[in-house]
């Protein structure tokens, strides 16, 4: 399943966020935000594909928000609010030229979102593939 493989690669790459500590230079900060963004994108696209393959019709045309809500209802993700916050952060990436926004995204990626993605991988491996 290509989207699952893409997600696993993005998650593996996202581990790199722990190799860097503030203060970040512009290139590192931009790269760390990008690692989060790519992992988030791959995660919801993988969820969409898996939900669709399990007969969840919402997956066929769903936006990221609809996919996250469907994944929560299906038991694929456990913390809907955390995932919706991650979606909001992904939407904020377009403003990551603002250092304060970028630093917030990286901080939350380290504190919450990386573990959230790891929990998703465990759930997918255990119950959905």
Protein backbone atom coordinates (compact mmCIF):
# COMPACT_ATOMS: atom_id res chain seq x y z
CA UNK A 1 0.00 0.00 0.00
CA UNK A 2 1.83 3.05 -1.32
CA UNK A 3 0.27 5.66 0.97
CA UNK A 4 1.14 3.56 4.03
CA UNK A 5 4.76 3.30 2.82
CA UNK A 6 4.85 7.07 2.22
CA UNK A 7 3.54 7.68 5.74
CA UNK A 8 6.12 5.32 7.26
CA UNK A 9 8.93 7.11 5.41
CA UNK A 10 7.65 10.52 6.50
CA UNK A 11 7.37 9.33 10.11
CA UNK A 12 10.89 7.95 10.00
CA UNK A 13 12.14 11.28 8.66
CA UNK A 14 10.22 13.20 11.31
CA UNK A 15 12.35 11.60 14.04
CA UNK A 16 15.00 14.08 12.92
CA UNK A 17 13.18 16.87 14.79
CA UNK A 18 14.73 15.59 18.02
CA UNK A 19 18.28 16.14 16.72
CA UNK A 20 17.89 19.92 16.85
CA UNK A 21 17.36 22.36 19.69
CA UNK A 22 16.63 26.07 19.67
CA UNK A 23 17.83 28.51 18.71
CA UNK A 24 17.27 27.32 15.16
CA UNK A 25 18.63 29.05 12.10
CA UNK A 26 16.12 29.81 9.36
CA UNK A 27 16.99 26.80 7.22
CA UNK A 28 16.73 24.32 10.12
CA UNK A 29 13.48 25.83 11.37
CA UNK A 30 11.95 25.71 7.90
CA UNK A 31 13.08 22.10 7.50
CA UNK A 32 11.63 21.04 10.85
CA UNK A 33 8.28 22.61 10.00
CA UNK A 34 8.43 20.80 6.66
CA UNK A 35 9.02 17.43 8.35
CA UNK A 36 5.83 17.92 10.36
CA UNK A 37 3.88 19.10 7.33
CA UNK A 38 4.90 16.14 5.15
CA UNK A 39 4.15 13.64 7.91
CA UNK A 40 0.72 15.16 8.52
CA UNK A 41 -0.10 15.15 4.79
CA UNK A 42 0.96 11.53 4.41
CA UNK A 43 -0.95 10.49 7.54
CA UNK A 44 -4.35 11.80 6.49
CA UNK A 45 -3.92 10.57 2.91
CA UNK A 46 -3.07 7.11 4.23
CA UNK A 47 -6.10 7.20 6.54
CA UNK A 48 -8.28 8.18 3.59
CA UNK A 49 -7.04 5.24 1.51
CA UNK A 50 -7.41 2.72 4.34
CA UNK A 51 -10.85 3.95 5.37
CA UNK A 52 -11.99 3.74 1.76
CA UNK A 53 -10.66 0.19 1.47
CA UNK A 54 -12.68 -0.71 4.59
CA UNK A 55 -15.90 0.64 3.10
CA UNK A 56 -16.06 4.08 4.72
CA UNK A 57 -17.63 6.11 1.93
CA UNK A 58 -16.74 9.41 3.60
CA UNK A 59 -13.18 8.58 2.62
CA UNK A 60 -13.90 8.80 -1.09
CA UNK A 61 -14.10 12.58 -1.37
CA UNK A 62 -13.34 13.74 2.15
CA UNK A 63 -11.34 16.77 3.12
CA UNK A 64 -8.64 16.25 5.78
CA UNK A 65 -11.11 17.33 8.48
CA UNK A 66 -13.77 14.85 7.31
CA UNK A 67 -11.15 12.10 7.10
CA UNK A 68 -9.98 12.81 10.67
CA UNK A 69 -13.54 12.79 12.00
CA UNK A 70 -14.26 9.54 10.14
CA UNK A 71 -11.02 7.98 11.42
CA UNK A 72 -12.02 8.93 14.96
CA UNK A 73 -15.50 7.41 14.59
CA UNK A 74 -13.93 4.26 13.11
CA UNK A 75 -11.53 3.94 16.06
CA UNK A 76 -8.45 4.50 13.91
CA UNK A 77 -7.41 7.54 15.96
CA UNK A 78 -8.10 8.01 19.66
CA UNK A 79 -7.79 11.77 20.20
CA UNK A 80 -9.89 13.69 17.71
CA UNK A 81 -9.09 17.08 19.27
CA UNK A 82 -5.33 16.50 19.05
CA UNK A 83 -5.61 15.55 15.38
CA UNK A 84 -7.76 18.60 14.67
CA UNK A 85 -5.12 20.78 16.38
CA UNK A 86 -2.50 19.14 14.16
CA UNK A 87 -4.66 20.00 11.14
CA UNK A 88 -4.83 23.61 12.32
CA UNK A 89 -1.03 23.66 12.66
CA UNK A 90 -0.70 22.21 9.16
CA UNK A 91 -2.92 25.04 7.94
CA UNK A 92 -0.67 27.51 9.79
CA UNK A 93 2.38 26.25 7.89
CA UNK A 94 1.61 28.80 5.19
CA UNK A 95 2.47 31.42 7.82
CA UNK A 96 5.64 29.68 9.00
CA UNK A 97 7.73 32.54 7.66
CA UNK A 98 6.62 34.08 10.98
CA UNK A 99 9.25 32.75 13.40
CA UNK A 100 6.85 32.62 16.36
CA UNK A 101 4.36 30.45 14.42
CA UNK A 102 7.15 28.20 13.13
CA UNK A 103 8.61 27.75 16.62
CA UNK A 104 5.16 26.83 17.96
CA UNK A 105 4.67 24.22 15.24
CA UNK A 106 8.06 22.63 15.97
CA UNK A 107 7.48 22.68 19.74
CA UNK A 108 4.08 20.96 19.40
CA UNK A 109 5.49 18.52 16.85
CA UNK A 110 8.09 17.46 19.42
CA UNK A 111 5.74 17.46 22.41
CA UNK A 112 2.58 15.95 20.93
CA UNK A 113 2.38 15.33 17.23
CA UNK A 114 5.29 12.91 16.73
CA UNK A 115 3.83 10.58 19.38
CA UNK A 116 0.38 11.00 17.81
CA UNK A 117 1.76 9.82 14.46
CA UNK A 118 3.54 6.88 16.14
CA UNK A 119 0.27 5.83 17.82
CA UNK A 120 -1.44 5.94 14.43
CA UNK A 121 1.21 3.68 12.91
CA UNK A 122 0.80 1.16 15.75
CA UNK A 123 -2.99 1.21 15.30
CA UNK A 124 -2.75 0.76 11.53
CA UNK A 125 -0.23 -2.08 11.85
CA UNK A 126 -2.30 -3.84 14.49
CA UNK A 127 -5.86 -3.43 13.22
CA UNK A 128 -6.14 -2.06 9.70
CA UNK A 129 -3.64 -3.72 7.34
